[in-house]
Amino acid sequence: MSIKILKDINNIPKLRKNLSKMKKKEVQVGVFGQGQQAMIAAVHEFGVNIRVTNKMRAYLRSIGIFLKDDTKYIHIPERSFIRSGWDKNEKKINKAIEKHMNDVLQHNVDSQVFLEALGTMIEGHLKDYLVKLKTPPLSEVTKRRKGSSNPLIDTGSLLDSITHKVK
């Protein structure tokens, strides 16, 4: 009994090229830039102590928040939505990578398309986590002012600022 090869398809060069393209790429997901949304994201991601100025004290008083005379700082607690959103979804993300990486290896999906889809998926997980985040809860004054108890949703601009890029 003999085996006859009708067509020899060597996909190793294409595979090496596809993997080489991916090796130089990374998917970044978050709030990018130096603008107001990046600053707000950093405040919520890590928490911050803000020094109380006379102007701030007057503003807070005007919205019904009365600070003690000796209050020097206001603490904004950490409400991580990027790191915690990643941690909560890391297993799902890794499963998706494992599942779809085979398509890239078999040349059914271009590596750039795969990485863009991965970025979109991670972006969606982080946005979903931000929307569902409830702790630490807002102060009662803030809830009344916003008309909502969701700590990270006010106008929706922080949510909309979560994006991804493939570099």
Foldseek 3Di string as FASTA:
>chain_A
DDDDDPDDDDCVVVLVVQVVVVVPKDKDWDFDDDDPLVVVLVCQQAKDKAFDDPVNQVVCVVLPHHDDPPDGTDIDHHNRLLVVLCVVCVVVLVVVCVVCVVCSSVVVDRNVRVSQVSQVVSLVSSLVSLQPGQPPWDDPSVCVVQVHGRPRDRPCVSNVSIGMDMD
